[in-house]
Amino acid sequence: MHMITDVGMEFDVLRENSKTAHENYHMLKDHNIVSVDFMGSIGAGKTAMIIKLAEKLREKGLRVAAIAGDVTGADDFTRMEISGIKAVNCNTGKDCHLTANMIHKRLHTMDLDSIDVLFIENVGNLVCPADFPLGTDYRVVVISTTEGDDMVRKHPDIFIHSDLAILNKIDIADAVDVDPETIMKDYEKLTGGNKHIFKTSVKKDLGLDDVLNAMEL
């Protein structure tokens, strides 16, 4: 009986999240904002990537803002602000992912008319965020070579639910004894050969323009 109750509650939570995500999407579209949800584990390089991508977009004359999601603290938010991004912090408390409702509340505190591109950094986790879309144009999952070559096999759901997948820190693959080809083949197999994973190095500025082109930015 408890299992039935738990499943019912989970369904309601997911359904409510989907409804709010839909509202977020239309709110952002009404303001002509391109939005991206960056998912990935701790240390994958999400914050550094957002900062570098924002820098490139500002050079194109685009106005970039970000929502920094984390369980607690303001480290990522502070790094974004220092870099010149107009950022908003979003702590989830004990939740291991952002929800559409959390983003909905933050959007109401932002001057949406002054934003062309909104980057959302999700909580460092490769499991929970997969089930909770936020209403963005793109869902991006970022992994790094430092996490090993079995990440796609271990966490297939988040890759299936993402529009783009990025393998970051490609410049140190040899140093951490990881073969990027293994990760790429696993991803292509999972997606039926219809998608390929983007290889990047934020430190060396490799592959980031390809990521922006894929998002038509």
Protein backbone atom coordinates (compact mmCIF):
# COMPACT_ATOMS: atom_id res chain seq x y z
CA MET A 1 0.00 0.00 0.00
CA HIS A 2 2.86 2.36 0.79
CA MET A 3 4.38 1.66 -2.62
CA ILE A 4 1.16 2.72 -4.35
CA THR A 5 1.05 5.91 -2.28
CA ASP A 6 4.70 6.71 -3.02
CA VAL A 7 4.26 6.14 -6.75
CA GLY A 8 1.15 8.34 -6.75
CA MET A 9 2.94 11.16 -4.95
CA GLU A 10 5.91 10.93 -7.31
CA PHE A 11 3.59 11.11 -10.32
CA ASP A 12 1.92 14.24 -8.92
CA VAL A 13 5.29 15.88 -8.28
CA LEU A 14 6.52 15.15 -11.80
CA ARG A 15 3.24 16.28 -13.34
CA GLU A 16 3.29 19.55 -11.40
CA ASN A 17 6.92 20.13 -12.38
CA SER A 18 6.06 19.55 -16.03
CA LYS A 19 3.22 22.06 -15.83
CA THR A 20 5.45 24.75 -14.30
CA ALA A 21 8.23 23.99 -16.78
CA HIS A 22 5.73 24.65 -19.56
CA GLU A 23 4.92 28.03 -17.98
CA ASN A 24 8.63 28.85 -17.68
CA TYR A 25 9.21 28.00 -21.32
CA HIS A 26 6.49 30.35 -22.51
CA MET A 27 7.60 33.10 -20.13
CA LEU A 28 11.11 32.93 -21.56
CA LYS A 29 9.84 32.78 -25.14
CA ASP A 30 7.64 35.83 -24.53
CA HIS A 31 10.84 37.72 -23.74
CA ASN A 32 12.79 36.19 -26.65
CA ILE A 33 15.27 34.54 -24.29
CA VAL A 34 17.28 31.49 -25.32
CA SER A 35 17.65 29.31 -22.24
CA VAL A 36 19.99 26.44 -21.41
CA ASP A 37 19.95 24.02 -18.46
CA PHE A 38 23.48 22.75 -17.71
CA MET A 39 23.47 19.44 -15.85
CA GLY A 40 26.46 17.42 -14.70
CA SER A 41 28.32 16.10 -11.71
CA ILE A 42 30.45 18.15 -9.33
CA GLY A 43 33.77 19.05 -10.90
CA ALA A 44 32.69 18.52 -14.52
CA GLY A 45 33.42 22.17 -15.24
CA LYS A 46 29.90 23.56 -15.61
CA THR A 47 30.63 26.90 -13.95
CA ALA A 48 33.81 27.52 -15.90
CA MET A 49 32.05 26.56 -19.13
CA ILE A 50 29.15 28.93 -18.47
CA ILE A 51 31.57 31.77 -17.74
CA LYS A 52 33.55 31.13 -20.94
CA LEU A 53 30.46 30.74 -23.11
CA ALA A 54 29.01 33.94 -21.66
CA GLU A 55 32.24 35.75 -22.49
CA LYS A 56 32.01 34.60 -26.09
CA LEU A 57 28.37 35.62 -26.34
CA ARG A 58 29.05 39.07 -24.90
CA GLU A 59 31.66 39.54 -27.63
CA LYS A 60 28.78 38.98 -30.07
CA GLY A 61 26.77 41.68 -28.35
CA LEU A 62 24.40 39.34 -26.53
CA ARG A 63 23.25 39.96 -22.96
CA VAL A 64 23.80 36.92 -20.75
CA ALA A 65 22.37 36.11 -17.33
CA ALA A 66 22.60 32.99 -15.20
CA ILE A 67 20.91 31.17 -12.35
CA ALA A 68 23.43 29.33 -10.18
CA GLY A 69 21.87 26.24 -8.62
CA ASP A 70 23.51 24.52 -5.68
CA VAL A 71 22.48 22.69 -2.53
CA THR A 72 23.98 25.43 -0.38
CA GLY A 73 26.43 28.31 -0.55
CA ALA A 74 27.17 30.94 -3.16
CA ASP A 75 30.54 29.92 -4.60
CA ASP A 76 29.37 29.39 -8.20
CA PHE A 77 27.14 32.45 -8.04
CA THR A 78 30.07 34.57 -6.86
CA ARG A 79 32.35 33.27 -9.62
CA MET A 80 29.72 34.16 -12.21
CA GLU A 81 29.18 37.63 -10.81
CA ILE A 82 32.92 38.35 -10.72
CA SER A 83 33.18 37.26 -14.36
CA GLY A 84 30.59 39.86 -15.36
CA ILE A 85 27.50 37.69 -15.64
CA LYS A 86 24.29 39.05 -14.16
CA ALA A 87 23.58 36.10 -11.85
CA VAL A 88 20.97 34.92 -9.36
CA ASN A 89 21.69 32.34 -6.67
CA CYS A 90 19.35 29.39 -6.06
CA ASN A 91 19.98 27.06 -3.13
CA THR A 92 17.92 23.88 -3.05
CA GLY A 93 18.49 22.94 0.60
CA LYS A 94 18.33 19.16 0.75
CA ASP A 95 17.04 18.69 -2.81
CA CYS A 96 19.56 17.17 -5.23
CA HIS A 97 18.21 19.05 -8.25
CA LEU A 98 16.56 22.27 -9.33
CA THR A 99 12.82 22.22 -9.97
CA ALA A 100 10.75 24.19 -12.44
CA ASN A 101 9.08 25.97 -9.52
CA MET A 102 12.42 27.14 -8.12
CA ILE A 103 13.28 28.60 -11.52
CA HIS A 104 9.80 30.10 -11.86
CA LYS A 105 10.31 32.05 -8.65
CA ARG A 106 13.76 33.27 -9.72
CA LEU A 107 12.50 34.39 -13.11
CA HIS A 108 10.02 36.69 -11.39
CA THR A 109 12.93 38.46 -9.67
CA MET A 110 14.85 39.09 -12.90
CA ASP A 111 14.58 41.82 -15.52
CA LEU A 112 13.80 39.48 -18.40
CA ASP A 113 13.72 42.30 -20.93
CA SER A 114 17.45 42.82 -20.36
CA ILE A 115 18.40 39.20 -21.12
CA ASP A 116 19.10 37.51 -24.47
CA VAL A 117 20.53 34.24 -23.16
CA LEU A 118 19.89 32.59 -19.79
CA PHE A 119 22.20 29.86 -18.52
CA ILE A 120 20.98 27.73 -15.63
CA GLU A 121 23.54 25.70 -13.72
CA ASN A 122 21.83 22.71 -12.15
CA VAL A 123 22.94 21.00 -8.96
CA GLY A 124 26.01 18.78 -9.34
CA ASN A 125 24.30 15.44 -9.89
CA LEU A 126 23.96 12.99 -12.79
CA VAL A 127 20.78 11.31 -11.54
CA CYS A 128 18.07 13.54 -10.09
CA PRO A 129 17.99 16.44 -12.61
CA ALA A 130 17.06 14.09 -15.47
CA ASP A 131 13.43 13.79 -14.32
CA PHE A 132 12.89 17.51 -13.71
CA PRO A 133 12.92 19.67 -16.85
CA LEU A 134 12.99 23.38 -16.10
CA GLY A 135 11.37 24.75 -19.24
CA THR A 136 14.55 25.64 -21.13
CA ASP A 137 15.23 25.48 -24.85
CA TYR A 138 18.15 23.13 -24.32
CA ARG A 139 19.12 20.58 -21.72
CA VAL A 140 22.87 19.99 -21.74
CA VAL A 141 24.77 17.37 -19.79
CA VAL A 142 28.46 18.00 -19.08
CA ILE A 143 30.87 15.27 -18.02
CA SER A 144 34.65 15.38 -17.85
CA THR A 145 37.48 13.00 -18.59
CA THR A 146 38.36 13.02 -14.87
CA GLU A 147 35.20 11.03 -14.16
CA GLY A 148 36.29 7.94 -16.08
CA ASP A 149 35.19 6.40 -19.36
CA ASP A 150 32.06 4.64 -18.08
CA MET A 151 29.87 7.69 -17.34
CA VAL A 152 27.42 7.11 -20.20
CA ARG A 153 26.94 3.46 -19.27
CA LYS A 154 26.44 4.33 -15.59
CA HIS A 155 24.01 7.21 -16.10
CA PRO A 156 22.08 6.61 -19.34
CA ASP A 157 18.90 8.47 -18.31
CA ILE A 158 20.44 11.92 -18.11
CA PHE A 159 22.03 11.47 -21.54
CA ILE A 160 18.76 10.28 -23.05
CA HIS A 161 16.92 13.30 -21.60
CA SER A 162 19.51 15.81 -22.84
CA ASP A 163 19.62 17.69 -26.13
CA LEU A 164 23.41 18.01 -26.08
CA ALA A 165 26.17 16.08 -24.34
CA ILE A 166 29.63 17.50 -23.70
CA LEU A 167 32.84 15.74 -22.73
CA ASN A 168 34.93 18.42 -21.05
CA LYS A 169 38.61 18.56 -20.00
CA ILE A 170 39.57 16.72 -23.16
CA ASP A 171 43.07 18.22 -22.86
CA ILE A 172 43.93 16.02 -19.86
CA ALA A 173 42.43 12.75 -21.10
CA ASP A 174 45.84 11.10 -21.41
CA ALA A 175 46.89 12.27 -17.96
CA VAL A 176 43.88 10.62 -16.32
CA ASP A 177 44.17 7.52 -18.55
CA VAL A 178 40.76 7.90 -20.21
CA ASP A 179 40.00 7.11 -23.84
CA PRO A 180 37.44 9.65 -25.15
CA GLU A 181 36.56 7.29 -28.00
CA THR A 182 35.04 4.85 -25.50
CA ILE A 183 32.74 7.56 -24.15
CA MET A 184 31.83 8.73 -27.62
CA LYS A 185 30.99 5.22 -28.81
CA ASP A 186 28.86 4.57 -25.71
CA TYR A 187 26.94 7.79 -26.34
CA GLU A 188 26.41 7.08 -30.03
CA LYS A 189 25.19 3.58 -29.18
CA LEU A 190 22.79 4.94 -26.54
CA THR A 191 21.36 7.53 -28.94
CA GLY A 192 21.12 5.15 -31.88
CA GLY A 193 23.90 6.88 -33.75
CA ASN A 194 21.78 10.00 -34.17
CA LYS A 195 23.89 12.22 -31.89
CA HIS A 196 27.56 12.76 -31.14
CA ILE A 197 29.14 14.06 -27.98
CA PHE A 198 30.95 17.40 -28.11
CA LYS A 199 34.58 17.37 -26.95
CA THR A 200 35.69 20.52 -25.15
CA SER A 201 38.37 22.05 -23.00
CA VAL A 202 37.39 25.28 -21.30
CA LYS A 203 40.99 25.84 -20.22
CA LYS A 204 42.31 25.52 -23.78
CA ASP A 205 39.20 27.06 -25.40
CA LEU A 206 38.57 23.95 -27.49
CA GLY A 207 35.19 22.98 -28.92
CA LEU A 208 33.19 25.74 -27.25
CA ASP A 209 32.31 27.47 -30.51
CA ASP A 210 30.88 24.18 -31.75
CA VAL A 211 28.66 24.01 -28.67
CA LEU A 212 27.37 27.53 -29.29
CA ASN A 213 26.73 26.71 -32.95
CA ALA A 214 24.73 23.64 -31.92
CA MET A 215 22.54 25.89 -29.79
CA GLU A 216 22.33 28.40 -32.66
CA LEU A 217 23.97 31.11 -30.55
